[in-house]
Amino acid sequence: MDALGYTTYVGKQSPTESEICNGLAAGHGLVANVHNGGHWVLLTGCAGGGVYYVNDPGYSTDTYSHGEIVDLAVYH
């Protein structure tokens, strides 16, 4: 995505729930590493209570909790 000029990779971060929700509201791309580091999903929104909506092509789930996120890649 960086090469196409649509977004820039900022880096891996460990933000709070509030920071994640603010980033999503600002249109930042947040890609979360879940399943003990074995799977990546796109965060799409905040459900509240530390739960996030996701696009997950590998599993039939549409939410993950803050505690299930191992790592977070941030794009602006």
PDB file of N, CA and C in Angstrom:
ATOM      1  N   MET A   1       0.823  -1.195   0.000  1.00  0.00           N
ATOM      2  CA  MET A   1       0.000   0.000   0.000  1.00  0.00           C
ATOM      3  C   MET A   1       0.867   1.258   0.000  1.00  0.00           C
ATOM      4  N   ASP A   2       2.001   1.225   0.699  1.00  0.00           N
ATOM      5  CA  ASP A   2       2.874   2.390   0.720  1.00  0.00           C
ATOM      6  C   ASP A   2       3.293   2.780  -0.702  1.00  0.00           C
ATOM      7  N   ALA A   3       3.671   1.788  -1.520  1.00  0.00           N
ATOM      8  CA  ALA A   3       4.156   2.051  -2.875  1.00  0.00           C
ATOM      9  C   ALA A   3       3.078   2.656  -3.767  1.00  0.00           C
ATOM     10  N   LEU A   4       1.826   2.364  -3.493  1.00  0.00           N
ATOM     11  CA  LEU A   4       0.730   2.907  -4.286  1.00  0.00           C
ATOM     12  C   LEU A   4       0.347   4.320  -3.853  1.00  0.00           C
ATOM     13  N   GLY A   5       0.890   4.772  -2.730  1.00  0.00           N
ATOM     14  CA  GLY A   5       0.627   6.125  -2.263  1.00  0.00           C
ATOM     15  C   GLY A   5      -0.669   6.311  -1.505  1.00  0.00           C
ATOM     16  N   TYR A   6      -1.321   5.225  -1.143  1.00  0.00           N
ATOM     17  CA  TYR A   6      -2.594   5.336  -0.425  1.00  0.00           C
ATOM     18  C   TYR A   6      -2.419   5.501   1.070  1.00  0.00           C
ATOM     19  N   THR A   7      -1.358   4.954   1.596  1.00  0.00           N
ATOM     20  CA  THR A   7      -1.164   4.973   3.037  1.00  0.00           C
ATOM     21  C   THR A   7       0.318   4.803   3.343  1.00  0.00           C
ATOM     22  N   THR A   8       0.687   5.054   4.576  1.00  0.00           N
ATOM     23  CA  THR A   8       2.063   4.897   5.008  1.00  0.00           C
ATOM     24  C   THR A   8       2.092   4.034   6.256  1.00  0.00           C
ATOM     25  N   TYR A   9       2.963   3.050   6.261  1.00  0.00           N
ATOM     26  CA  TYR A   9       3.137   2.196   7.428  1.00  0.00           C
ATOM     27  C   TYR A   9       3.825   2.994   8.514  1.00  0.00           C
ATOM     28  N   VAL A  10       3.199   3.090   9.670  1.00  0.00           N
ATOM     29  CA  VAL A  10       3.743   3.841  10.797  1.00  0.00           C
ATOM     30  C   VAL A  10       4.612   2.942  11.665  1.00  0.00           C
ATOM     31  N   GLY A  11       4.167   1.705  11.882  1.00  0.00           N
ATOM     32  CA  GLY A  11       4.919   0.763  12.701  1.00  0.00           C
ATOM     33  C   GLY A  11       3.997  -0.064  13.566  1.00  0.00           C
ATOM     34  N   LYS A  12       4.604  -0.923  14.343  1.00  0.00           N
ATOM     35  CA  LYS A  12       3.838  -1.736  15.286  1.00  0.00           C
ATOM     36  C   LYS A  12       3.729  -0.973  16.587  1.00  0.00           C
ATOM     37  N   GLN A  13       2.540  -1.010  17.164  1.00  0.00           N
ATOM     38  CA  GLN A  13       2.289  -0.273  18.393  1.00  0.00           C
ATOM     39  C   GLN A  13       1.459  -1.119  19.346  1.00  0.00           C
ATOM     40  N   SER A  14       1.384  -0.665  20.588  1.00  0.00           N
ATOM     41  CA  SER A  14       0.544  -1.297  21.610  1.00  0.00           C
ATOM     42  C   SER A  14      -0.373  -0.241  22.218  1.00  0.00           C
ATOM     43  N   PRO A  15      -1.325   0.260  21.439  1.00  0.00           N
ATOM     44  CA  PRO A  15      -2.195   1.334  21.918  1.00  0.00           C
ATOM     45  C   PRO A  15      -3.268   0.845  22.875  1.00  0.00           C
ATOM     46  N   THR A  16      -3.823   1.787  23.608  1.00  0.00           N
ATOM     47  CA  THR A  16      -4.946   1.500  24.491  1.00  0.00           C
ATOM     48  C   THR A  16      -6.215   1.363  23.650  1.00  0.00           C
ATOM     49  N   GLU A  17      -7.280   0.914  24.266  1.00  0.00           N
ATOM     50  CA  GLU A  17      -8.567   0.811  23.571  1.00  0.00           C
ATOM     51  C   GLU A  17      -9.001   2.174  23.045  1.00  0.00           C
ATOM     52  N   SER A  18      -8.864   3.193  23.838  1.00  0.00           N
ATOM     53  CA  SER A  18      -9.247   4.546  23.436  1.00  0.00           C
ATOM     54  C   SER A  18      -8.438   5.009  22.227  1.00  0.00           C
ATOM     55  N   GLU A  19      -7.146   4.755  22.236  1.00  0.00           N
ATOM     56  CA  GLU A  19      -6.292   5.145  21.110  1.00  0.00           C
ATOM     57  C   GLU A  19      -6.673   4.388  19.842  1.00  0.00           C
ATOM     58  N   ILE A  20      -7.020   3.112  19.973  1.00  0.00           N
ATOM     59  CA  ILE A  20      -7.455   2.331  18.816  1.00  0.00           C
ATOM     60  C   ILE A  20      -8.752   2.897  18.250  1.00  0.00           C
ATOM     61  N   CYS A  21      -9.723   3.159  19.107  1.00  0.00           N
ATOM     62  CA  CYS A  21     -11.016   3.692  18.648  1.00  0.00           C
ATOM     63  C   CYS A  21     -10.845   5.065  18.011  1.00  0.00           C
ATOM     64  N   ASN A  22      -9.986   5.907  18.580  1.00  0.00           N
ATOM     65  CA  ASN A  22      -9.713   7.222  17.998  1.00  0.00           C
ATOM     66  C   ASN A  22      -9.032   7.078  16.637  1.00  0.00           C
ATOM     67  N   GLY A  23      -8.106   6.141  16.518  1.00  0.00           N
ATOM     68  CA  GLY A  23      -7.426   5.899  15.249  1.00  0.00           C
ATOM     69  C   GLY A  23      -8.381   5.410  14.178  1.00  0.00           C
ATOM     70  N   LEU A  24      -9.288   4.518  14.548  1.00  0.00           N
ATOM     71  CA  LEU A  24     -10.282   4.032  13.585  1.00  0.00           C
ATOM     72  C   LEU A  24     -11.198   5.165  13.141  1.00  0.00           C
ATOM     73  N   ALA A  25     -11.601   6.006  14.083  1.00  0.00           N
ATOM     74  CA  ALA A  25     -12.463   7.142  13.757  1.00  0.00           C
ATOM     75  C   ALA A  25     -11.763   8.128  12.829  1.00  0.00           C
ATOM     76  N   ALA A  26     -10.435   8.211  12.933  1.00  0.00           N
ATOM     77  CA  ALA A  26      -9.652   9.107  12.087  1.00  0.00           C
ATOM     78  C   ALA A  26      -9.334   8.484  10.727  1.00  0.00           C
ATOM     79  N   GLY A  27      -9.749   7.228  10.530  1.00  0.00           N
ATOM     80  CA  GLY A  27      -9.526   6.578   9.248  1.00  0.00           C
ATOM     81  C   GLY A  27      -8.199   5.867   9.109  1.00  0.00           C
ATOM     82  N   HIS A  28      -7.506   5.642  10.216  1.00  0.00           N
ATOM     83  CA  HIS A  28      -6.237   4.940  10.164  1.00  0.00           C
ATOM     84  C   HIS A  28      -6.468   3.450   9.950  1.00  0.00           C
ATOM     85  N   GLY A  29      -5.571   2.824   9.228  1.00  0.00           N
ATOM     86  CA  GLY A  29      -5.637   1.379   9.031  1.00  0.00           C
ATOM     87  C   GLY A  29      -4.978   0.673  10.191  1.00  0.00           C
ATOM     88  N   LEU A  30      -5.714  -0.192  10.858  1.00  0.00           N
ATOM     89  CA  LEU A  30      -5.179  -0.928  12.003  1.00  0.00           C
ATOM     90  C   LEU A  30      -5.336  -2.413  11.730  1.00  0.00           C
ATOM     91  N   VAL A  31      -4.205  -3.098  11.672  1.00  0.00           N
ATOM     92  CA  VAL A  31      -4.193  -4.524  11.373  1.00  0.00           C
ATOM     93  C   VAL A  31      -3.686  -5.244  12.615  1.00  0.00           C
ATOM     94  N   ALA A  32      -4.543  -6.084  13.188  1.00  0.00           N
ATOM     95  CA  ALA A  32      -4.248  -6.737  14.459  1.00  0.00           C
ATOM     96  C   ALA A  32      -3.784  -8.169  14.258  1.00  0.00           C
ATOM     97  N   ASN A  33      -2.783  -8.538  15.020  1.00  0.00           N
ATOM     98  CA  ASN A  33      -2.283  -9.906  15.052  1.00  0.00           C
ATOM     99  C   ASN A  33      -2.983 -10.627  16.206  1.00  0.00           C
ATOM    100  N   VAL A  34      -3.697 -11.715  15.878  1.00  0.00           N
ATOM    101  CA  VAL A  34      -4.482 -12.473  16.857  1.00  0.00           C
ATOM    102  C   VAL A  34      -4.115 -13.950  16.793  1.00  0.00           C
ATOM    103  N   HIS A  35      -4.825 -14.771  17.527  1.00  0.00           N
ATOM    104  CA  HIS A  35      -4.577 -16.222  17.590  1.00  0.00           C
ATOM    105  C   HIS A  35      -3.124 -16.515  17.974  1.00  0.00           C
ATOM    106  N   ASN A  36      -2.697 -15.868  19.073  1.00  0.00           N
ATOM    107  CA  ASN A  36      -1.346 -16.054  19.607  1.00  0.00           C
ATOM    108  C   ASN A  36      -0.264 -15.756  18.582  1.00  0.00           C
ATOM    109  N   GLY A  37      -0.529 -14.780  17.720  1.00  0.00           N
ATOM    110  CA  GLY A  37       0.467 -14.339  16.753  1.00  0.00           C
ATOM    111  C   GLY A  37       0.419 -15.049  15.417  1.00  0.00           C
ATOM    112  N   GLY A  38      -0.584 -15.891  15.198  1.00  0.00           N
ATOM    113  CA  GLY A  38      -0.621 -16.673  13.977  1.00  0.00           C
ATOM    114  C   GLY A  38      -1.563 -16.187  12.903  1.00  0.00           C
ATOM    115  N   HIS A  39      -2.212 -15.024  13.095  1.00  0.00           N
ATOM    116  CA  HIS A  39      -3.244 -14.592  12.141  1.00  0.00           C
ATOM    117  C   HIS A  39      -3.413 -13.079  12.223  1.00  0.00           C
ATOM    118  N   TRP A  40      -3.607 -12.421  11.070  1.00  0.00           N
ATOM    119  CA  TRP A  40      -3.794 -10.975  11.013  1.00  0.00           C
ATOM    120  C   TRP A  40      -5.199 -10.649  10.530  1.00  0.00           C
ATOM    121  N   VAL A  41      -5.817  -9.615  11.130  1.00  0.00           N
ATOM    122  CA  VAL A  41      -7.159  -9.171  10.748  1.00  0.00           C
ATOM    123  C   VAL A  41      -7.189  -7.643  10.684  1.00  0.00           C
ATOM    124  N   LEU A  42      -8.110  -7.116   9.911  1.00  0.00           N
ATOM    125  CA  LEU A  42      -8.293  -5.671   9.809  1.00  0.00           C
ATOM    126  C   LEU A  42      -9.344  -5.220  10.816  1.00  0.00           C
ATOM    127  N   LEU A  43      -8.979  -4.287  11.689  1.00  0.00           N
ATOM    128  CA  LEU A  43      -9.963  -3.715  12.612  1.00  0.00           C
ATOM    129  C   LEU A  43     -10.834  -2.732  11.838  1.00  0.00           C
ATOM    130  N   THR A  44     -12.145  -2.809  12.049  1.00  0.00           N
ATOM    131  CA  THR A  44     -13.065  -1.944  11.305  1.00  0.00           C
ATOM    132  C   THR A  44     -13.894  -1.031  12.199  1.00  0.00           C
ATOM    133  N   GLY A  45     -13.941  -1.302  13.508  1.00  0.00           N
ATOM    134  CA  GLY A  45     -14.731  -0.464  14.401  1.00  0.00           C
ATOM    135  C   GLY A  45     -14.625  -0.911  15.834  1.00  0.00           C
ATOM    136  N   CYS A  46     -15.171  -0.102  16.711  1.00  0.00           N
ATOM    137  CA  CYS A  46     -15.166  -0.391  18.142  1.00  0.00           C
ATOM    138  C   CYS A  46     -16.576  -0.755  18.589  1.00  0.00           C
ATOM    139  N   ALA A  47     -16.693  -1.885  19.255  1.00  0.00           N
ATOM    140  CA  ALA A  47     -17.979  -2.331  19.782  1.00  0.00           C
ATOM    141  C   ALA A  47     -18.172  -1.871  21.223  1.00  0.00           C
ATOM    142  N   GLY A  48     -17.082  -1.437  21.867  1.00  0.00           N
ATOM    143  CA  GLY A  48     -17.118  -1.029  23.266  1.00  0.00           C
ATOM    144  C   GLY A  48     -16.680  -2.156  24.176  1.00  0.00           C
ATOM    145  N   GLY A  49     -16.292  -1.798  25.368  1.00  0.00           N
ATOM    146  CA  GLY A  49     -15.878  -2.795  26.352  1.00  0.00           C
ATOM    147  C   GLY A  49     -14.645  -3.585  25.942  1.00  0.00           C
ATOM    148  N   GLY A  50     -13.766  -2.975  25.155  1.00  0.00           N
ATOM    149  CA  GLY A  50     -12.547  -3.649  24.735  1.00  0.00           C
ATOM    150  C   GLY A  50     -12.746  -4.656  23.624  1.00  0.00           C
ATOM    151  N   VAL A  51     -13.831  -4.517  22.873  1.00  0.00           N
ATOM    152  CA  VAL A  51     -14.123  -5.426  21.763  1.00  0.00           C
ATOM    153  C   VAL A  51     -14.117  -4.622  20.462  1.00  0.00           C
ATOM    154  N   TYR A  52     -13.508  -5.202  19.422  1.00  0.00           N
ATOM    155  CA  TYR A  52     -13.384  -4.532  18.128  1.00  0.00           C
ATOM    156  C   TYR A  52     -14.033  -5.361  17.032  1.00  0.00           C
ATOM    157  N   TYR A  53     -14.668  -4.681  16.086  1.00  0.00           N
ATOM    158  CA  TYR A  53     -15.181  -5.338  14.888  1.00  0.00           C
ATOM    159  C   TYR A  53     -14.016  -5.538  13.930  1.00  0.00           C
ATOM    160  N   VAL A  54     -14.038  -6.645  13.203  1.00  0.00           N
ATOM    161  CA  VAL A  54     -12.933  -6.958  12.303  1.00  0.00           C
ATOM    162  C   VAL A  54     -13.432  -7.537  10.988  1.00  0.00           C
ATOM    163  N   ASN A  55     -12.584  -7.444   9.963  1.00  0.00           N
ATOM    164  CA  ASN A  55     -12.717  -8.229   8.747  1.00  0.00           C
ATOM    165  C   ASN A  55     -11.718  -9.365   8.902  1.00  0.00           C
ATOM    166  N   ASP A  56     -12.225 -10.583   8.979  1.00  0.00           N
ATOM    167  CA  ASP A  56     -11.390 -11.755   9.207  1.00  0.00           C
ATOM    168  C   ASP A  56     -11.675 -12.798   8.129  1.00  0.00           C
ATOM    169  N   PRO A  57     -10.829 -12.857   7.103  1.00  0.00           N
ATOM    170  CA  PRO A  57     -11.079 -13.796   6.010  1.00  0.00           C
ATOM    171  C   PRO A  57     -10.796 -15.254   6.368  1.00  0.00           C
ATOM    172  N   GLY A  58     -10.112 -15.495   7.470  1.00  0.00           N
ATOM    173  CA  GLY A  58      -9.710 -16.855   7.800  1.00  0.00           C
ATOM    174  C   GLY A  58     -10.589 -17.573   8.805  1.00  0.00           C
ATOM    175  N   TYR A  59     -11.393 -16.827   9.542  1.00  0.00           N
ATOM    176  CA  TYR A  59     -12.234 -17.413  10.579  1.00  0.00           C
ATOM    177  C   TYR A  59     -13.622 -16.794  10.492  1.00  0.00           C
ATOM    178  N   SER A  60     -14.604 -17.481  10.990  1.00  0.00           N
ATOM    179  CA  SER A  60     -15.975 -16.956  10.947  1.00  0.00           C
ATOM    180  C   SER A  60     -16.290 -16.186  12.231  1.00  0.00           C
ATOM    181  N   THR A  61     -15.521 -15.138  12.450  1.00  0.00           N
ATOM    182  CA  THR A  61     -15.757 -14.256  13.585  1.00  0.00           C
ATOM    183  C   THR A  61     -15.742 -12.818  13.090  1.00  0.00           C
ATOM    184  N   ASP A  62     -16.505 -11.970  13.751  1.00  0.00           N
ATOM    185  CA  ASP A  62     -16.500 -10.569  13.351  1.00  0.00           C
ATOM    186  C   ASP A  62     -16.049  -9.649  14.477  1.00  0.00           C
ATOM    187  N   THR A  63     -15.586 -10.225  15.598  1.00  0.00           N
ATOM    188  CA  THR A  63     -15.053  -9.419  16.695  1.00  0.00           C
ATOM    189  C   THR A  63     -13.881 -10.125  17.367  1.00  0.00           C
ATOM    190  N   TYR A  64     -13.010  -9.316  17.944  1.00  0.00           N
ATOM    191  CA  TYR A  64     -11.936  -9.803  18.815  1.00  0.00           C
ATOM    192  C   TYR A  64     -11.836  -8.830  19.980  1.00  0.00           C
ATOM    193  N   SER A  65     -11.398  -9.337  21.118  1.00  0.00           N
ATOM    194  CA  SER A  65     -11.230  -8.484  22.291  1.00  0.00           C
ATOM    195  C   SER A  65      -9.816  -7.916  22.327  1.00  0.00           C
ATOM    196  N   HIS A  66      -9.649  -6.862  23.095  1.00  0.00           N
ATOM    197  CA  HIS A  66      -8.345  -6.216  23.237  1.00  0.00           C
ATOM    198  C   HIS A  66      -7.292  -7.217  23.721  1.00  0.00           C
ATOM    199  N   GLY A  67      -7.686  -8.102  24.625  1.00  0.00           N
ATOM    200  CA  GLY A  67      -6.760  -9.081  25.176  1.00  0.00           C
ATOM    201  C   GLY A  67      -6.305 -10.136  24.182  1.00  0.00           C
ATOM    202  N   GLU A  68      -7.040 -10.303  23.080  1.00  0.00           N
ATOM    203  CA  GLU A  68      -6.666 -11.281  22.064  1.00  0.00           C
ATOM    204  C   GLU A  68      -5.670 -10.728  21.052  1.00  0.00           C
ATOM    205  N   ILE A  69      -5.434  -9.418  21.079  1.00  0.00           N
ATOM    206  CA  ILE A  69      -4.510  -8.788  20.142  1.00  0.00           C
ATOM    207  C   ILE A  69      -3.089  -8.915  20.672  1.00  0.00           C
ATOM    208  N   VAL A  70      -2.242  -9.563  19.892  1.00  0.00           N
ATOM    209  CA  VAL A  70      -0.844  -9.773  20.253  1.00  0.00           C
ATOM    210  C   VAL A  70       0.006  -8.595  19.805  1.00  0.00           C
ATOM    211  N   ASP A  71      -0.297  -8.057  18.636  1.00  0.00           N
ATOM    212  CA  ASP A  71       0.477  -6.988  18.032  1.00  0.00           C
ATOM    213  C   ASP A  71      -0.461  -6.167  17.153  1.00  0.00           C
ATOM    214  N   LEU A  72      -0.093  -4.936  16.854  1.00  0.00           N
ATOM    215  CA  LEU A  72      -0.945  -4.090  16.022  1.00  0.00           C
ATOM    216  C   LEU A  72      -0.071  -3.294  15.051  1.00  0.00           C
ATOM    217  N   ALA A  73      -0.327  -3.465  13.764  1.00  0.00           N
ATOM    218  CA  ALA A  73       0.361  -2.693  12.725  1.00  0.00           C
ATOM    219  C   ALA A  73      -0.517  -1.491  12.380  1.00  0.00           C
ATOM    220  N   VAL A  74       0.099  -0.314  12.349  1.00  0.00           N
ATOM    221  CA  VAL A  74      -0.647   0.928  12.157  1.00  0.00           C
ATOM    222  C   VAL A  74      -0.256   1.577  10.835  1.00  0.00           C
ATOM    223  N   TYR A  75      -1.278   1.978  10.071  1.00  0.00           N
ATOM    224  CA  TYR A  75      -1.100   2.678   8.803  1.00  0.00           C
ATOM    225  C   TYR A  75      -1.866   3.983   8.850  1.00  0.00           C
ATOM    226  N   HIS A  76      -1.274   5.056   8.319  1.00  0.00           N
ATOM    227  CA  HIS A  76      -1.941   6.361   8.223  1.00  0.00           C
ATOM    228  C   HIS A  76      -2.033   6.748   6.769  1.00  0.00           C
TER     229      HIS A  76
END
